[in-house]
Amino acid sequence: MNIPTKKENPNGLHQKYFIQKTNGESIDEGAEYFVLRLDGGGSDPIHNEACRQAVLTYATIIKNHLPNLSDDLFERYGGGVMK
């Protein structure tokens, strides 16, 4: 199922960004990506906090599998490395 366009679903899940790899490789055409703003900018503090909590939840779940990435995410977005 394709993600709807903004016109089709303006207040819900809809296409908003074009995703590409920085090394020029193609992305999987069937993949779905969800972009989070993590810098705290924007005008909606509830949305900002939800984005931060989402990335910290991800960092918690990958702690044993990808410890360096997890540590980097906690350092940057969580106020320090998770112990």
PDB file of N, CA and C in Angstrom:
ATOM      1  N   MET A   1       0.848  -1.183   0.000  1.00  0.00           N
ATOM      2  CA  MET A   1       0.000   0.000   0.000  1.00  0.00           C
ATOM      3  C   MET A   1       0.890   1.242   0.000  1.00  0.00           C
ATOM      4  N   ASN A   2       0.646   2.145  -0.899  1.00  0.00           N
ATOM      5  CA  ASN A   2       1.419   3.378  -0.978  1.00  0.00           C
ATOM      6  C   ASN A   2       0.992   4.358   0.110  1.00  0.00           C
ATOM      7  N   ILE A   3       1.938   5.140   0.568  1.00  0.00           N
ATOM      8  CA  ILE A   3       1.630   6.211   1.510  1.00  0.00           C
ATOM      9  C   ILE A   3       0.901   7.296   0.720  1.00  0.00           C
ATOM     10  N   PRO A   4      -0.226   7.793   1.229  1.00  0.00           N
ATOM     11  CA  PRO A   4      -0.995   8.784   0.474  1.00  0.00           C
ATOM     12  C   PRO A   4      -0.243  10.110   0.319  1.00  0.00           C
ATOM     13  N   THR A   5      -0.667  10.883  -0.654  1.00  0.00           N
ATOM     14  CA  THR A   5      -0.123  12.222  -0.841  1.00  0.00           C
ATOM     15  C   THR A   5      -0.734  13.161   0.199  1.00  0.00           C
ATOM     16  N   LYS A   6      -0.154  14.344   0.324  1.00  0.00           N
ATOM     17  CA  LYS A   6      -0.705  15.339   1.247  1.00  0.00           C
ATOM     18  C   LYS A   6      -2.121  15.731   0.844  1.00  0.00           C
ATOM     19  N   LYS A   7      -2.363  15.802  -0.454  1.00  0.00           N
ATOM     20  CA  LYS A   7      -3.704  16.147  -0.938  1.00  0.00           C
ATOM     21  C   LYS A   7      -4.713  15.075  -0.527  1.00  0.00           C
ATOM     22  N   GLU A   8      -4.304  13.809  -0.582  1.00  0.00           N
ATOM     23  CA  GLU A   8      -5.198  12.707  -0.238  1.00  0.00           C
ATOM     24  C   GLU A   8      -5.448  12.597   1.271  1.00  0.00           C
ATOM     25  N   ASN A   9      -4.455  12.974   2.083  1.00  0.00           N
ATOM     26  CA  ASN A   9      -4.568  12.830   3.541  1.00  0.00           C
ATOM     27  C   ASN A   9      -3.824  13.980   4.222  1.00  0.00           C
ATOM     28  N   PRO A  10      -4.355  15.208   4.127  1.00  0.00           N
ATOM     29  CA  PRO A  10      -3.605  16.390   4.567  1.00  0.00           C
ATOM     30  C   PRO A  10      -3.282  16.446   6.056  1.00  0.00           C
ATOM     31  N   ASN A  11      -4.081  15.827   6.902  1.00  0.00           N
ATOM     32  CA  ASN A  11      -3.868  15.928   8.346  1.00  0.00           C
ATOM     33  C   ASN A  11      -3.347  14.648   8.979  1.00  0.00           C
ATOM     34  N   GLY A  12      -3.056  13.647   8.167  1.00  0.00           N
ATOM     35  CA  GLY A  12      -2.555  12.371   8.676  1.00  0.00           C
ATOM     36  C   GLY A  12      -1.239  12.006   8.011  1.00  0.00           C
ATOM     37  N   LEU A  13      -0.955  10.715   7.994  1.00  0.00           N
ATOM     38  CA  LEU A  13       0.267  10.224   7.355  1.00  0.00           C
ATOM     39  C   LEU A  13       0.204  10.498   5.861  1.00  0.00           C
ATOM     40  N   HIS A  14       1.216  11.198   5.359  1.00  0.00           N
ATOM     41  CA  HIS A  14       1.288  11.469   3.928  1.00  0.00           C
ATOM     42  C   HIS A  14       2.743  11.687   3.513  1.00  0.00           C
ATOM     43  N   GLN A  15       2.976  11.629   2.215  1.00  0.00           N
ATOM     44  CA  GLN A  15       4.313  11.852   1.655  1.00  0.00           C
ATOM     45  C   GLN A  15       4.733  13.288   1.927  1.00  0.00           C
ATOM     46  N   LYS A  16       5.947  13.448   2.439  1.00  0.00           N
ATOM     47  CA  LYS A  16       6.412  14.794   2.759  1.00  0.00           C
ATOM     48  C   LYS A  16       7.850  15.050   2.323  1.00  0.00           C
ATOM     49  N   TYR A  17       8.680  14.010   2.261  1.00  0.00           N
ATOM     50  CA  TYR A  17      10.096  14.179   1.953  1.00  0.00           C
ATOM     51  C   TYR A  17      10.534  13.216   0.858  1.00  0.00           C
ATOM     52  N   PHE A  18      11.554  13.615   0.123  1.00  0.00           N
ATOM     53  CA  PHE A  18      12.257  12.722  -0.785  1.00  0.00           C
ATOM     54  C   PHE A  18      13.479  12.213  -0.042  1.00  0.00           C
ATOM     55  N   ILE A  19      13.684  10.910  -0.023  1.00  0.00           N
ATOM     56  CA  ILE A  19      14.792  10.288   0.693  1.00  0.00           C
ATOM     57  C   ILE A  19      15.820   9.807  -0.316  1.00  0.00           C
ATOM     58  N   GLN A  20      17.101  10.070  -0.029  1.00  0.00           N
ATOM     59  CA  GLN A  20      18.177   9.535  -0.853  1.00  0.00           C
ATOM     60  C   GLN A  20      19.379   9.262   0.024  1.00  0.00           C
ATOM     61  N   LYS A  21      20.222   8.339  -0.409  1.00  0.00           N
ATOM     62  CA  LYS A  21      21.443   8.025   0.331  1.00  0.00           C
ATOM     63  C   LYS A  21      22.518   9.047  -0.031  1.00  0.00           C
ATOM     64  N   THR A  22      23.322   9.402   0.941  1.00  0.00           N
ATOM     65  CA  THR A  22      24.356  10.409   0.701  1.00  0.00           C
ATOM     66  C   THR A  22      25.479   9.896  -0.190  1.00  0.00           C
ATOM     67  N   ASN A  23      25.637   8.575  -0.285  1.00  0.00           N
ATOM     68  CA  ASN A  23      26.708   8.031  -1.125  1.00  0.00           C
ATOM     69  C   ASN A  23      26.270   7.812  -2.569  1.00  0.00           C
ATOM     70  N   GLY A  24      25.047   8.175  -2.905  1.00  0.00           N
ATOM     71  CA  GLY A  24      24.560   8.068  -4.269  1.00  0.00           C
ATOM     72  C   GLY A  24      23.918   6.738  -4.610  1.00  0.00           C
ATOM     73  N   GLU A  25      24.002   5.748  -3.721  1.00  0.00           N
ATOM     74  CA  GLU A  25      23.362   4.465  -3.978  1.00  0.00           C
ATOM     75  C   GLU A  25      21.846   4.631  -3.992  1.00  0.00           C
ATOM     76  N   SER A  26      21.185   3.756  -4.738  1.00  0.00           N
ATOM     77  CA  SER A  26      19.729   3.785  -4.797  1.00  0.00           C
ATOM     78  C   SER A  26      19.143   3.241  -3.506  1.00  0.00           C
ATOM     79  N   ILE A  27      17.993   3.784  -3.128  1.00  0.00           N
ATOM     80  CA  ILE A  27      17.264   3.222  -1.997  1.00  0.00           C
ATOM     81  C   ILE A  27      16.367   2.111  -2.522  1.00  0.00           C
ATOM     82  N   ASP A  28      15.910   1.270  -1.630  1.00  0.00           N
ATOM     83  CA  ASP A  28      14.961   0.224  -1.987  1.00  0.00           C
ATOM     84  C   ASP A  28      13.639   0.896  -2.335  1.00  0.00           C
ATOM     85  N   GLU A  29      13.190   0.725  -3.546  1.00  0.00           N
ATOM     86  CA  GLU A  29      11.964   1.394  -4.006  1.00  0.00           C
ATOM     87  C   GLU A  29      10.741   0.996  -3.187  1.00  0.00           C
ATOM     88  N   GLY A  30      10.744  -0.186  -2.581  1.00  0.00           N
ATOM     89  CA  GLY A  30       9.612  -0.637  -1.795  1.00  0.00           C
ATOM     90  C   GLY A  30       9.679  -0.235  -0.330  1.00  0.00           C
ATOM     91  N   ALA A  31      10.778   0.417   0.064  1.00  0.00           N
ATOM     92  CA  ALA A  31      10.971   0.771   1.471  1.00  0.00           C
ATOM     93  C   ALA A  31      10.109   1.970   1.859  1.00  0.00           C
ATOM     94  N   GLU A  32       9.769   2.029   3.141  1.00  0.00           N
ATOM     95  CA  GLU A  32       9.066   3.180   3.693  1.00  0.00           C
ATOM     96  C   GLU A  32       9.947   3.805   4.757  1.00  0.00           C
ATOM     97  N   TYR A  33      10.034   5.126   4.765  1.00  0.00           N
ATOM     98  CA  TYR A  33      10.845   5.865   5.721  1.00  0.00           C
ATOM     99  C   TYR A  33       9.959   6.877   6.429  1.00  0.00           C
ATOM    100  N   PHE A  34      10.304   7.167   7.678  1.00  0.00           N
ATOM    101  CA  PHE A  34       9.573   8.150   8.460  1.00  0.00           C
ATOM    102  C   PHE A  34      10.603   9.110   9.035  1.00  0.00           C
ATOM    103  N   VAL A  35      10.509  10.382   8.693  1.00  0.00           N
ATOM    104  CA  VAL A  35      11.496  11.385   9.082  1.00  0.00           C
ATOM    105  C   VAL A  35      11.054  12.076  10.373  1.00  0.00           C
ATOM    106  N   LEU A  36      11.994  12.214  11.321  1.00  0.00           N
ATOM    107  CA  LEU A  36      11.741  12.918  12.579  1.00  0.00           C
ATOM    108  C   LEU A  36      12.642  14.141  12.664  1.00  0.00           C
ATOM    109  N   ARG A  37      12.101  15.262  13.079  1.00  0.00           N
ATOM    110  CA  ARG A  37      12.918  16.443  13.334  1.00  0.00           C
ATOM    111  C   ARG A  37      13.406  16.371  14.773  1.00  0.00           C
ATOM    112  N   LEU A  38      14.724  16.402  14.958  1.00  0.00           N
ATOM    113  CA  LEU A  38      15.308  16.167  16.275  1.00  0.00           C
ATOM    114  C   LEU A  38      15.969  17.380  16.894  1.00  0.00           C
ATOM    115  N   ASP A  39      16.029  18.493  16.183  1.00  0.00           N
ATOM    116  CA  ASP A  39      16.748  19.654  16.696  1.00  0.00           C
ATOM    117  C   ASP A  39      15.931  20.518  17.643  1.00  0.00           C
ATOM    118  N   GLY A  40      14.670  20.207  17.844  1.00  0.00           N
ATOM    119  CA  GLY A  40      13.848  21.011  18.741  1.00  0.00           C
ATOM    120  C   GLY A  40      13.275  22.257  18.097  1.00  0.00           C
ATOM    121  N   GLY A  41      13.554  22.461  16.824  1.00  0.00           N
ATOM    122  CA  GLY A  41      13.005  23.620  16.126  1.00  0.00           C
ATOM    123  C   GLY A  41      11.544  23.402  15.769  1.00  0.00           C
ATOM    124  N   GLY A  42      10.976  24.356  15.143  1.00  0.00           N
ATOM    125  CA  GLY A  42       9.573  24.267  14.782  1.00  0.00           C
ATOM    126  C   GLY A  42       8.694  24.915  15.829  1.00  0.00           C
ATOM    127  N   SER A  43       7.413  24.924  15.573  1.00  0.00           N
ATOM    128  CA  SER A  43       6.498  25.670  16.434  1.00  0.00           C
ATOM    129  C   SER A  43       5.651  24.794  17.358  1.00  0.00           C
ATOM    130  N   ASP A  44       5.844  23.475  17.318  1.00  0.00           N
ATOM    131  CA  ASP A  44       4.997  22.574  18.104  1.00  0.00           C
ATOM    132  C   ASP A  44       5.832  21.819  19.133  1.00  0.00           C
ATOM    133  N   PRO A  45       5.873  22.285  20.376  1.00  0.00           N
ATOM    134  CA  PRO A  45       6.722  21.640  21.384  1.00  0.00           C
ATOM    135  C   PRO A  45       6.308  20.206  21.694  1.00  0.00           C
ATOM    136  N   ILE A  46       5.043  19.862  21.559  1.00  0.00           N
ATOM    137  CA  ILE A  46       4.614  18.482  21.789  1.00  0.00           C
ATOM    138  C   ILE A  46       5.166  17.577  20.702  1.00  0.00           C
ATOM    139  N   HIS A  47       5.099  18.038  19.454  1.00  0.00           N
ATOM    140  CA  HIS A  47       5.677  17.283  18.334  1.00  0.00           C
ATOM    141  C   HIS A  47       7.185  17.126  18.525  1.00  0.00           C
ATOM    142  N   ASN A  48       7.854  18.201  18.908  1.00  0.00           N
ATOM    143  CA  ASN A  48       9.308  18.147  19.125  1.00  0.00           C
ATOM    144  C   ASN A  48       9.668  17.100  20.173  1.00  0.00           C
ATOM    145  N   GLU A  49       8.959  17.075  21.287  1.00  0.00           N
ATOM    146  CA  GLU A  49       9.227  16.116  22.354  1.00  0.00           C
ATOM    147  C   GLU A  49       8.940  14.689  21.897  1.00  0.00           C
ATOM    148  N   ALA A  50       7.897  14.498  21.127  1.00  0.00           N
ATOM    149  CA  ALA A  50       7.576  13.165  20.614  1.00  0.00           C
ATOM    150  C   ALA A  50       8.688  12.646  19.708  1.00  0.00           C
ATOM    151  N   CYS A  51       9.238  13.516  18.874  1.00  0.00           N
ATOM    152  CA  CYS A  51      10.353  13.122  18.001  1.00  0.00           C
ATOM    153  C   CYS A  51      11.568  12.712  18.825  1.00  0.00           C
ATOM    154  N   ARG A  52      11.892  13.500  19.838  1.00  0.00           N
ATOM    155  CA  ARG A  52      13.033  13.169  20.711  1.00  0.00           C
ATOM    156  C   ARG A  52      12.812  11.839  21.424  1.00  0.00           C
ATOM    157  N   GLN A  53      11.623  11.628  21.960  1.00  0.00           N
ATOM    158  CA  GLN A  53      11.334  10.382  22.671  1.00  0.00           C
ATOM    159  C   GLN A  53      11.400   9.189  21.718  1.00  0.00           C
ATOM    160  N   ALA A  54      10.973   9.370  20.485  1.00  0.00           N
ATOM    161  CA  ALA A  54      11.023   8.287  19.499  1.00  0.00           C
ATOM    162  C   ALA A  54      12.461   7.862  19.231  1.00  0.00           C
ATOM    163  N   VAL A  55      13.355   8.812  19.028  1.00  0.00           N
ATOM    164  CA  VAL A  55      14.742   8.446  18.737  1.00  0.00           C
ATOM    165  C   VAL A  55      15.425   7.840  19.960  1.00  0.00           C
ATOM    166  N   LEU A  56      15.056   8.278  21.158  1.00  0.00           N
ATOM    167  CA  LEU A  56      15.635   7.691  22.370  1.00  0.00           C
ATOM    168  C   LEU A  56      15.095   6.283  22.618  1.00  0.00           C
ATOM    169  N   THR A  57      13.856   6.031  22.254  1.00  0.00           N
ATOM    170  CA  THR A  57      13.320   4.671  22.330  1.00  0.00           C
ATOM    171  C   THR A  57      14.071   3.762  21.371  1.00  0.00           C
ATOM    172  N   TYR A  58      14.305   4.234  20.166  1.00  0.00           N
ATOM    173  CA  TYR A  58      15.095   3.487  19.190  1.00  0.00           C
ATOM    174  C   TYR A  58      16.488   3.202  19.747  1.00  0.00           C
ATOM    175  N   ALA A  59      17.128   4.205  20.317  1.00  0.00           N
ATOM    176  CA  ALA A  59      18.476   4.042  20.872  1.00  0.00           C
ATOM    177  C   ALA A  59      18.495   3.015  21.998  1.00  0.00           C
ATOM    178  N   THR A  60      17.459   2.983  22.804  1.00  0.00           N
ATOM    179  CA  THR A  60      17.358   2.002  23.884  1.00  0.00           C
ATOM    180  C   THR A  60      17.254   0.585  23.318  1.00  0.00           C
ATOM    181  N   ILE A  61      16.434   0.417  22.301  1.00  0.00           N
ATOM    182  CA  ILE A  61      16.200  -0.912  21.727  1.00  0.00           C
ATOM    183  C   ILE A  61      17.446  -1.453  21.033  1.00  0.00           C
ATOM    184  N   ILE A  62      18.251  -0.591  20.401  1.00  0.00           N
ATOM    185  CA  ILE A  62      19.438  -1.056  19.671  1.00  0.00           C
ATOM    186  C   ILE A  62      20.699  -1.086  20.530  1.00  0.00           C
ATOM    187  N   LYS A  63      20.595  -0.752  21.809  1.00  0.00           N
ATOM    188  CA  LYS A  63      21.772  -0.607  22.683  1.00  0.00           C
ATOM    189  C   LYS A  63      22.735  -1.789  22.578  1.00  0.00           C
ATOM    190  N   ASN A  64      22.244  -3.018  22.617  1.00  0.00           N
ATOM    191  CA  ASN A  64      23.121  -4.190  22.563  1.00  0.00           C
ATOM    192  C   ASN A  64      23.532  -4.548  21.143  1.00  0.00           C
ATOM    193  N   HIS A  65      22.736  -4.194  20.178  1.00  0.00           N
ATOM    194  CA  HIS A  65      23.000  -4.548  18.782  1.00  0.00           C
ATOM    195  C   HIS A  65      23.924  -3.546  18.091  1.00  0.00           C
ATOM    196  N   LEU A  66      23.698  -2.269  18.313  1.00  0.00           N
ATOM    197  CA  LEU A  66      24.492  -1.189  17.709  1.00  0.00           C
ATOM    198  C   LEU A  66      24.893  -0.204  18.803  1.00  0.00           C
ATOM    199  N   PRO A  67      25.778  -0.623  19.710  1.00  0.00           N
ATOM    200  CA  PRO A  67      26.074   0.208  20.885  1.00  0.00           C
ATOM    201  C   PRO A  67      26.659   1.578  20.574  1.00  0.00           C
ATOM    202  N   ASN A  68      27.494   1.684  19.558  1.00  0.00           N
ATOM    203  CA  ASN A  68      28.088   2.989  19.239  1.00  0.00           C
ATOM    204  C   ASN A  68      27.035   3.970  18.747  1.00  0.00           C
ATOM    205  N   LEU A  69      26.145   3.501  17.882  1.00  0.00           N
ATOM    206  CA  LEU A  69      25.060   4.357  17.400  1.00  0.00           C
ATOM    207  C   LEU A  69      24.152   4.751  18.559  1.00  0.00           C
ATOM    208  N   SER A  70      23.805   3.780  19.406  1.00  0.00           N
ATOM    209  CA  SER A  70      22.963   4.066  20.560  1.00  0.00           C
ATOM    210  C   SER A  70      23.596   5.138  21.447  1.00  0.00           C
ATOM    211  N   ASP A  71      24.882   4.968  21.755  1.00  0.00           N
ATOM    212  CA  ASP A  71      25.577   5.954  22.586  1.00  0.00           C
ATOM    213  C   ASP A  71      25.581   7.332  21.948  1.00  0.00           C
ATOM    214  N   ASP A  72      25.839   7.378  20.635  1.00  0.00           N
ATOM    215  CA  ASP A  72      25.858   8.663  19.936  1.00  0.00           C
ATOM    216  C   ASP A  72      24.489   9.350  20.000  1.00  0.00           C
ATOM    217  N   LEU A  73      23.415   8.584  19.824  1.00  0.00           N
ATOM    218  CA  LEU A  73      22.073   9.165  19.878  1.00  0.00           C
ATOM    219  C   LEU A  73      21.748   9.690  21.268  1.00  0.00           C
ATOM    220  N   PHE A  74      22.103   8.915  22.309  1.00  0.00           N
ATOM    221  CA  PHE A  74      21.860   9.401  23.668  1.00  0.00           C
ATOM    222  C   PHE A  74      22.702  10.625  23.984  1.00  0.00           C
ATOM    223  N   GLU A  75      23.930  10.634  23.508  1.00  0.00           N
ATOM    224  CA  GLU A  75      24.805  11.776  23.745  1.00  0.00           C
ATOM    225  C   GLU A  75      24.230  13.042  23.105  1.00  0.00           C
ATOM    226  N   ARG A  76      23.743  12.892  21.866  1.00  0.00           N
ATOM    227  CA  ARG A  76      23.277  14.057  21.110  1.00  0.00           C
ATOM    228  C   ARG A  76      21.869  14.498  21.504  1.00  0.00           C
ATOM    229  N   TYR A  77      20.975  13.545  21.769  1.00  0.00           N
ATOM    230  CA  TYR A  77      19.570  13.896  21.958  1.00  0.00           C
ATOM    231  C   TYR A  77      19.024  13.583  23.347  1.00  0.00           C
ATOM    232  N   GLY A  78      19.812  12.919  24.190  1.00  0.00           N
ATOM    233  CA  GLY A  78      19.281  12.510  25.476  1.00  0.00           C
ATOM    234  C   GLY A  78      20.038  13.038  26.660  1.00  0.00           C
ATOM    235  N   GLY A  79      20.992  13.923  26.436  1.00  0.00           N
ATOM    236  CA  GLY A  79      21.718  14.501  27.551  1.00  0.00           C
ATOM    237  C   GLY A  79      22.815  13.614  28.110  1.00  0.00           C
ATOM    238  N   GLY A  80      23.280  12.640  27.342  1.00  0.00           N
ATOM    239  CA  GLY A  80      24.385  11.796  27.786  1.00  0.00           C
ATOM    240  C   GLY A  80      24.201  10.358  27.350  1.00  0.00           C
ATOM    241  N   VAL A  81      25.256   9.588  27.481  1.00  0.00           N
ATOM    242  CA  VAL A  81      25.252   8.186  27.062  1.00  0.00           C
ATOM    243  C   VAL A  81      24.457   7.372  28.069  1.00  0.00           C
ATOM    244  N   MET A  82      23.609   6.468  27.556  1.00  0.00           N
ATOM    245  CA  MET A  82      22.835   5.581  28.427  1.00  0.00           C
ATOM    246  C   MET A  82      23.751   4.528  29.020  1.00  0.00           C
ATOM    247  N   LYS A  83      23.659   4.304  30.309  1.00  0.00           N
ATOM    248  CA  LYS A  83      24.480   3.288  30.989  1.00  0.00           C
ATOM    249  C   LYS A  83      23.773   1.963  31.017  1.00  0.00           C
TER     250      LYS A  83
END
